[in-house]
N, C-alpha and C. Protein backbone atom coordinates (compact mmCIF):
# COMPACT_ATOMS: atom_id res chain seq x y z
N UNK A 1 1.02 -22.23 8.52
CA UNK A 1 0.64 -21.71 7.21
C UNK A 1 1.43 -22.46 6.15
N UNK A 2 0.78 -22.70 5.04
CA UNK A 2 1.47 -23.32 3.91
C UNK A 2 0.72 -22.96 2.64
N UNK A 3 1.22 -23.47 1.53
CA UNK A 3 0.53 -23.24 0.27
C UNK A 3 0.45 -21.77 -0.10
N UNK A 4 -0.77 -21.30 -0.36
CA UNK A 4 -0.97 -19.94 -0.85
C UNK A 4 -0.62 -18.89 0.21
N UNK A 5 -0.60 -19.27 1.46
CA UNK A 5 -0.26 -18.30 2.51
C UNK A 5 1.19 -18.40 2.98
N UNK A 6 2.05 -18.92 2.15
CA UNK A 6 3.48 -18.93 2.45
C UNK A 6 4.05 -17.54 2.11
N UNK A 7 5.07 -17.13 2.85
CA UNK A 7 5.62 -15.80 2.65
C UNK A 7 6.16 -15.60 1.24
N UNK A 8 6.80 -16.60 0.65
CA UNK A 8 7.32 -16.43 -0.71
C UNK A 8 6.19 -16.26 -1.72
N UNK A 9 5.05 -16.88 -1.48
CA UNK A 9 3.89 -16.71 -2.37
C UNK A 9 3.32 -15.29 -2.22
N UNK A 10 3.25 -14.81 -0.99
CA UNK A 10 2.76 -13.44 -0.77
C UNK A 10 3.69 -12.41 -1.41
N UNK A 11 4.99 -12.65 -1.34
CA UNK A 11 5.94 -11.74 -1.99
C UNK A 11 5.79 -11.78 -3.51
N UNK A 12 5.57 -12.96 -4.06
CA UNK A 12 5.35 -13.08 -5.51
C UNK A 12 4.06 -12.38 -5.90
N UNK A 13 3.02 -12.51 -5.08
CA UNK A 13 1.75 -11.83 -5.34
C UNK A 13 1.95 -10.32 -5.32
N UNK A 14 2.71 -9.84 -4.36
CA UNK A 14 2.99 -8.40 -4.28
C UNK A 14 3.73 -7.92 -5.52
N UNK A 15 4.69 -8.70 -5.98
CA UNK A 15 5.43 -8.34 -7.20
C UNK A 15 4.49 -8.29 -8.41
N UNK A 16 3.61 -9.27 -8.53
CA UNK A 16 2.65 -9.29 -9.64
C UNK A 16 1.70 -8.09 -9.57
N UNK A 17 1.23 -7.76 -8.38
CA UNK A 17 0.35 -6.60 -8.22
C UNK A 17 1.05 -5.32 -8.64
N UNK A 18 2.31 -5.17 -8.27
CA UNK A 18 3.06 -3.97 -8.63
C UNK A 18 3.23 -3.89 -10.15
N UNK A 19 3.48 -5.03 -10.77
CA UNK A 19 3.63 -5.06 -12.23
C UNK A 19 2.31 -4.68 -12.91
N UNK A 20 1.22 -5.25 -12.44
CA UNK A 20 -0.09 -4.93 -13.02
C UNK A 20 -0.47 -3.47 -12.77
N UNK A 21 -0.13 -2.95 -11.62
CA UNK A 21 -0.45 -1.55 -11.30
C UNK A 21 0.29 -0.58 -12.22
N UNK A 22 1.43 -1.00 -12.73
CA UNK A 22 2.21 -0.14 -13.62
C UNK A 22 1.87 -0.32 -15.10
N UNK A 23 0.95 -1.21 -15.39
CA UNK A 23 0.57 -1.49 -16.77
C UNK A 23 -0.28 -0.37 -17.36
N UNK A 24 -0.05 -0.06 -18.62
CA UNK A 24 -0.88 0.91 -19.34
C UNK A 24 -1.43 0.27 -20.60
N UNK A 25 -2.49 0.83 -21.11
CA UNK A 25 -3.10 0.35 -22.36
C UNK A 25 -3.58 1.55 -23.15
N UNK A 26 -3.46 1.44 -24.46
CA UNK A 26 -3.91 2.52 -25.33
C UNK A 26 -5.44 2.52 -25.39
N UNK A 27 -6.03 3.68 -25.13
CA UNK A 27 -7.49 3.85 -25.23
C UNK A 27 -7.74 4.78 -26.41
N UNK A 28 -8.15 4.20 -27.50
CA UNK A 28 -8.35 4.98 -28.73
C UNK A 28 -9.38 6.09 -28.52
N UNK A 29 -10.45 5.80 -27.79
CA UNK A 29 -11.49 6.81 -27.55
C UNK A 29 -10.97 8.01 -26.78
N UNK A 30 -10.03 7.78 -25.88
CA UNK A 30 -9.44 8.87 -25.10
C UNK A 30 -8.23 9.47 -25.81
N UNK A 31 -7.68 8.73 -26.76
CA UNK A 31 -6.50 9.20 -27.47
C UNK A 31 -5.25 9.21 -26.62
N UNK A 32 -5.19 8.32 -25.65
CA UNK A 32 -4.02 8.28 -24.75
C UNK A 32 -3.93 6.93 -24.06
N UNK A 33 -2.81 6.71 -23.40
CA UNK A 33 -2.66 5.53 -22.58
C UNK A 33 -3.43 5.72 -21.28
N UNK A 34 -4.06 4.67 -20.82
CA UNK A 34 -4.75 4.71 -19.53
C UNK A 34 -4.07 3.70 -18.60
N UNK A 35 -4.19 3.95 -17.32
CA UNK A 35 -3.57 3.09 -16.32
C UNK A 35 -4.59 2.78 -15.23
N UNK A 36 -4.16 2.03 -14.25
CA UNK A 36 -5.04 1.63 -13.16
C UNK A 36 -5.70 2.84 -12.50
N UNK A 37 -4.94 3.86 -12.21
CA UNK A 37 -5.52 5.00 -11.50
C UNK A 37 -6.56 5.75 -12.33
N UNK A 38 -6.58 5.54 -13.63
CA UNK A 38 -7.62 6.15 -14.48
C UNK A 38 -8.96 5.44 -14.36
N UNK A 39 -8.94 4.17 -13.96
CA UNK A 39 -10.17 3.38 -13.96
C UNK A 39 -10.53 2.79 -12.59
N UNK A 40 -9.69 2.98 -11.59
CA UNK A 40 -9.93 2.33 -10.30
C UNK A 40 -10.92 3.09 -9.44
N UNK A 41 -11.42 2.38 -8.44
CA UNK A 41 -12.26 2.99 -7.40
C UNK A 41 -11.32 3.47 -6.31
N UNK A 42 -11.28 4.77 -6.08
CA UNK A 42 -10.40 5.37 -5.08
C UNK A 42 -11.26 6.21 -4.12
N UNK A 43 -11.88 5.57 -3.12
CA UNK A 43 -12.85 6.27 -2.29
C UNK A 43 -12.30 7.44 -1.48
N UNK A 44 -11.03 7.43 -1.13
CA UNK A 44 -10.48 8.50 -0.30
C UNK A 44 -9.77 9.58 -1.10
N UNK A 45 -9.61 9.36 -2.39
CA UNK A 45 -8.99 10.36 -3.26
C UNK A 45 -9.54 10.21 -4.68
N UNK A 46 -10.84 10.45 -4.87
CA UNK A 46 -11.45 10.18 -6.17
C UNK A 46 -11.06 11.15 -7.29
N UNK A 47 -10.59 12.34 -6.97
CA UNK A 47 -10.32 13.32 -8.02
C UNK A 47 -8.95 13.17 -8.68
N UNK A 48 -7.96 12.74 -7.93
CA UNK A 48 -6.61 12.58 -8.49
C UNK A 48 -5.91 11.39 -7.85
N UNK A 49 -6.43 10.18 -8.09
CA UNK A 49 -5.84 9.02 -7.40
C UNK A 49 -4.48 8.62 -7.94
N UNK A 50 -3.64 8.19 -7.02
CA UNK A 50 -2.40 7.51 -7.37
C UNK A 50 -2.65 6.02 -7.26
N UNK A 51 -1.69 5.21 -7.62
CA UNK A 51 -1.87 3.77 -7.57
C UNK A 51 -2.21 3.32 -6.15
N UNK A 52 -1.58 3.90 -5.14
CA UNK A 52 -1.83 3.53 -3.75
C UNK A 52 -3.20 3.93 -3.25
N UNK A 53 -3.90 4.78 -3.98
CA UNK A 53 -5.25 5.21 -3.59
C UNK A 53 -6.33 4.25 -4.09
N UNK A 54 -5.98 3.36 -5.00
CA UNK A 54 -6.96 2.44 -5.59
C UNK A 54 -7.32 1.34 -4.60
N UNK A 55 -8.61 1.08 -4.48
CA UNK A 55 -9.10 0.05 -3.56
C UNK A 55 -8.92 -1.32 -4.20
N UNK A 56 -7.76 -1.89 -4.01
CA UNK A 56 -7.44 -3.22 -4.53
C UNK A 56 -7.57 -4.21 -3.37
N UNK A 57 -8.41 -5.22 -3.55
CA UNK A 57 -8.61 -6.22 -2.50
C UNK A 57 -7.58 -7.33 -2.65
N UNK A 58 -6.74 -7.47 -1.64
CA UNK A 58 -5.69 -8.47 -1.65
C UNK A 58 -5.22 -8.71 -0.22
N UNK A 59 -4.78 -9.91 0.06
CA UNK A 59 -4.25 -10.23 1.39
C UNK A 59 -3.03 -9.37 1.71
N UNK A 60 -2.30 -8.93 0.70
CA UNK A 60 -1.12 -8.09 0.94
C UNK A 60 -1.49 -6.70 1.45
N UNK A 61 -2.76 -6.32 1.33
CA UNK A 61 -3.21 -5.03 1.87
C UNK A 61 -3.12 -4.99 3.39
N UNK A 62 -3.17 -6.14 4.05
CA UNK A 62 -2.99 -6.16 5.51
C UNK A 62 -1.60 -5.67 5.90
N UNK A 63 -0.70 -5.61 4.92
CA UNK A 63 0.66 -5.11 5.12
C UNK A 63 0.89 -3.84 4.31
N UNK A 64 -0.18 -3.20 3.87
CA UNK A 64 -0.17 -1.98 3.07
C UNK A 64 0.69 -2.15 1.82
N UNK A 65 0.68 -3.37 1.26
CA UNK A 65 1.47 -3.69 0.07
C UNK A 65 2.94 -3.33 0.23
N UNK A 66 3.48 -3.59 1.41
CA UNK A 66 4.83 -3.18 1.74
C UNK A 66 5.68 -4.40 2.12
N UNK A 67 6.70 -4.67 1.34
CA UNK A 67 7.58 -5.82 1.60
C UNK A 67 8.23 -5.76 2.97
N UNK A 68 8.64 -4.58 3.38
CA UNK A 68 9.32 -4.43 4.67
C UNK A 68 8.41 -4.82 5.82
N UNK A 69 7.14 -4.45 5.74
CA UNK A 69 6.19 -4.80 6.80
C UNK A 69 5.92 -6.30 6.80
N UNK A 70 5.89 -6.90 5.64
CA UNK A 70 5.68 -8.34 5.53
C UNK A 70 6.86 -9.11 6.14
N UNK A 71 8.05 -8.54 6.09
CA UNK A 71 9.26 -9.20 6.59
C UNK A 71 9.52 -8.94 8.08
N UNK A 72 8.77 -8.06 8.71
CA UNK A 72 9.02 -7.71 10.11
C UNK A 72 8.82 -8.88 11.05
N UNK A 73 9.60 -8.88 12.12
CA UNK A 73 9.37 -9.78 13.25
C UNK A 73 9.77 -9.01 14.51
N UNK A 74 9.24 -9.43 15.63
CA UNK A 74 9.53 -8.74 16.90
C UNK A 74 9.41 -9.72 18.05
N UNK A 75 10.16 -9.45 19.09
CA UNK A 75 10.08 -10.25 20.31
C UNK A 75 8.89 -9.75 21.11
N UNK A 76 8.12 -10.69 21.63
CA UNK A 76 6.94 -10.31 22.40
C UNK A 76 6.82 -11.20 23.63
N UNK A 77 6.50 -10.56 24.75
CA UNK A 77 6.22 -11.31 25.98
C UNK A 77 4.84 -10.90 26.46
N UNK A 78 3.99 -11.88 26.64
CA UNK A 78 2.62 -11.64 27.09
C UNK A 78 2.40 -12.51 28.33
N UNK A 79 2.61 -11.93 29.50
CA UNK A 79 2.54 -12.72 30.73
C UNK A 79 3.69 -13.70 30.75
N UNK A 80 3.37 -14.97 30.88
CA UNK A 80 4.41 -16.00 30.88
C UNK A 80 4.77 -16.47 29.48
N UNK A 81 3.93 -16.16 28.50
CA UNK A 81 4.20 -16.56 27.12
C UNK A 81 5.17 -15.57 26.49
N UNK A 82 6.15 -16.10 25.79
CA UNK A 82 7.10 -15.23 25.09
C UNK A 82 7.53 -15.91 23.80
N UNK A 83 7.91 -15.08 22.84
CA UNK A 83 8.35 -15.61 21.56
C UNK A 83 8.39 -14.53 20.51
N UNK A 84 8.65 -14.95 19.30
CA UNK A 84 8.75 -14.03 18.17
C UNK A 84 7.41 -13.98 17.45
N UNK A 85 6.96 -12.77 17.14
CA UNK A 85 5.77 -12.58 16.32
C UNK A 85 6.20 -12.09 14.95
N UNK A 86 5.44 -12.46 13.93
CA UNK A 86 5.77 -12.06 12.56
C UNK A 86 4.50 -11.92 11.75
N UNK A 87 4.63 -12.01 10.43
CA UNK A 87 3.51 -11.79 9.53
C UNK A 87 2.36 -12.75 9.81
N UNK A 88 2.64 -13.97 10.26
CA UNK A 88 1.57 -14.93 10.58
C UNK A 88 0.63 -14.35 11.63
N UNK A 89 1.23 -13.84 12.71
CA UNK A 89 0.44 -13.30 13.83
C UNK A 89 -0.35 -12.08 13.41
N UNK A 90 0.28 -11.22 12.61
CA UNK A 90 -0.42 -10.02 12.13
C UNK A 90 -1.59 -10.40 11.24
N UNK A 91 -1.40 -11.35 10.35
CA UNK A 91 -2.46 -11.78 9.45
C UNK A 91 -3.64 -12.38 10.22
N UNK A 92 -3.35 -13.24 11.18
CA UNK A 92 -4.42 -13.83 11.99
C UNK A 92 -5.20 -12.74 12.72
N UNK A 93 -4.48 -11.78 13.28
CA UNK A 93 -5.15 -10.69 13.98
C UNK A 93 -6.05 -9.91 13.03
N UNK A 94 -5.54 -9.56 11.88
CA UNK A 94 -6.29 -8.73 10.93
C UNK A 94 -7.50 -9.45 10.35
N UNK A 95 -7.41 -10.74 10.13
CA UNK A 95 -8.56 -11.50 9.63
C UNK A 95 -9.69 -11.42 10.64
N UNK A 96 -9.34 -11.40 11.91
CA UNK A 96 -10.35 -11.32 12.97
C UNK A 96 -10.76 -9.90 13.33
N UNK A 97 -9.91 -8.91 13.03
CA UNK A 97 -10.19 -7.50 13.35
C UNK A 97 -9.76 -6.60 12.20
N UNK A 98 -10.41 -6.70 11.04
CA UNK A 98 -9.94 -5.98 9.85
C UNK A 98 -10.00 -4.46 9.95
N UNK A 99 -10.73 -3.91 10.89
CA UNK A 99 -10.84 -2.45 11.01
C UNK A 99 -9.84 -1.85 11.99
N UNK A 100 -8.90 -2.66 12.46
CA UNK A 100 -7.94 -2.20 13.47
C UNK A 100 -6.85 -1.31 12.85
N UNK A 101 -6.57 -0.22 13.55
CA UNK A 101 -5.48 0.66 13.12
C UNK A 101 -4.14 0.23 13.69
N UNK A 102 -4.16 -0.72 14.65
CA UNK A 102 -2.91 -1.22 15.22
C UNK A 102 -3.20 -2.60 15.83
N UNK A 103 -2.44 -3.61 15.39
CA UNK A 103 -2.66 -4.93 15.96
C UNK A 103 -2.13 -4.99 17.39
N UNK A 104 -2.44 -6.06 18.10
CA UNK A 104 -2.04 -6.17 19.51
C UNK A 104 -0.72 -6.92 19.67
N UNK A 105 -0.03 -7.18 18.57
CA UNK A 105 1.28 -7.81 18.65
C UNK A 105 2.34 -6.73 18.87
N UNK A 106 3.55 -7.17 19.13
CA UNK A 106 4.66 -6.23 19.28
C UNK A 106 4.98 -5.52 17.96
N UNK A 107 4.46 -6.02 16.85
CA UNK A 107 4.67 -5.37 15.56
C UNK A 107 3.92 -4.04 15.48
N UNK A 108 2.74 -4.00 16.10
CA UNK A 108 1.89 -2.80 16.12
C UNK A 108 1.61 -2.26 14.72
N UNK A 109 1.29 -3.15 13.79
CA UNK A 109 0.98 -2.76 12.42
C UNK A 109 -0.52 -2.53 12.26
N UNK A 110 -0.87 -1.68 11.33
CA UNK A 110 -2.27 -1.43 10.99
C UNK A 110 -2.80 -2.56 10.11
N UNK A 111 -4.08 -2.82 10.24
CA UNK A 111 -4.75 -3.78 9.36
C UNK A 111 -5.38 -3.07 8.17
N UNK A 112 -5.39 -1.76 8.19
CA UNK A 112 -6.01 -0.99 7.12
C UNK A 112 -5.17 -1.08 5.84
N UNK A 113 -5.84 -1.04 4.71
CA UNK A 113 -5.18 -1.17 3.42
C UNK A 113 -4.37 0.08 3.07
N UNK A 114 -3.54 -0.04 2.09
CA UNK A 114 -2.70 1.09 1.63
C UNK A 114 -3.56 2.30 1.28
N UNK A 115 -4.73 2.08 0.69
CA UNK A 115 -5.60 3.19 0.29
C UNK A 115 -6.35 3.82 1.47
N UNK A 116 -6.24 3.22 2.66
CA UNK A 116 -6.83 3.80 3.86
C UNK A 116 -8.11 3.13 4.35
N UNK A 117 -8.64 2.22 3.58
CA UNK A 117 -9.87 1.53 3.97
C UNK A 117 -9.57 0.14 4.51
N UNK A 118 -10.63 -0.56 4.92
CA UNK A 118 -10.44 -1.92 5.45
C UNK A 118 -10.19 -2.95 4.35
């Protein structure tokens, strides 16, 4: 992996997403500040969504927008093959099986997004 799929780029993307998610704007018609959760599509919590309920499409959703999950690594032995698995392995698995609730690596992370969907 290189370029846009480097870990430092993914971390910067996550930081930008968090900053944008916290942004508010004055809506004169409503007479108040509005934020992402006021205008987002939140299929699993449409009546009172939080930022994590918004269906935001991003590669970081494979890690539920969580820095700690992106930084995880684990030792794995599969038959005679052994080595360390990390975010690369999880991402490859999720691209091929986006509806998985648990990848087949030793990380055992979900591919589902923070909001609960694929």
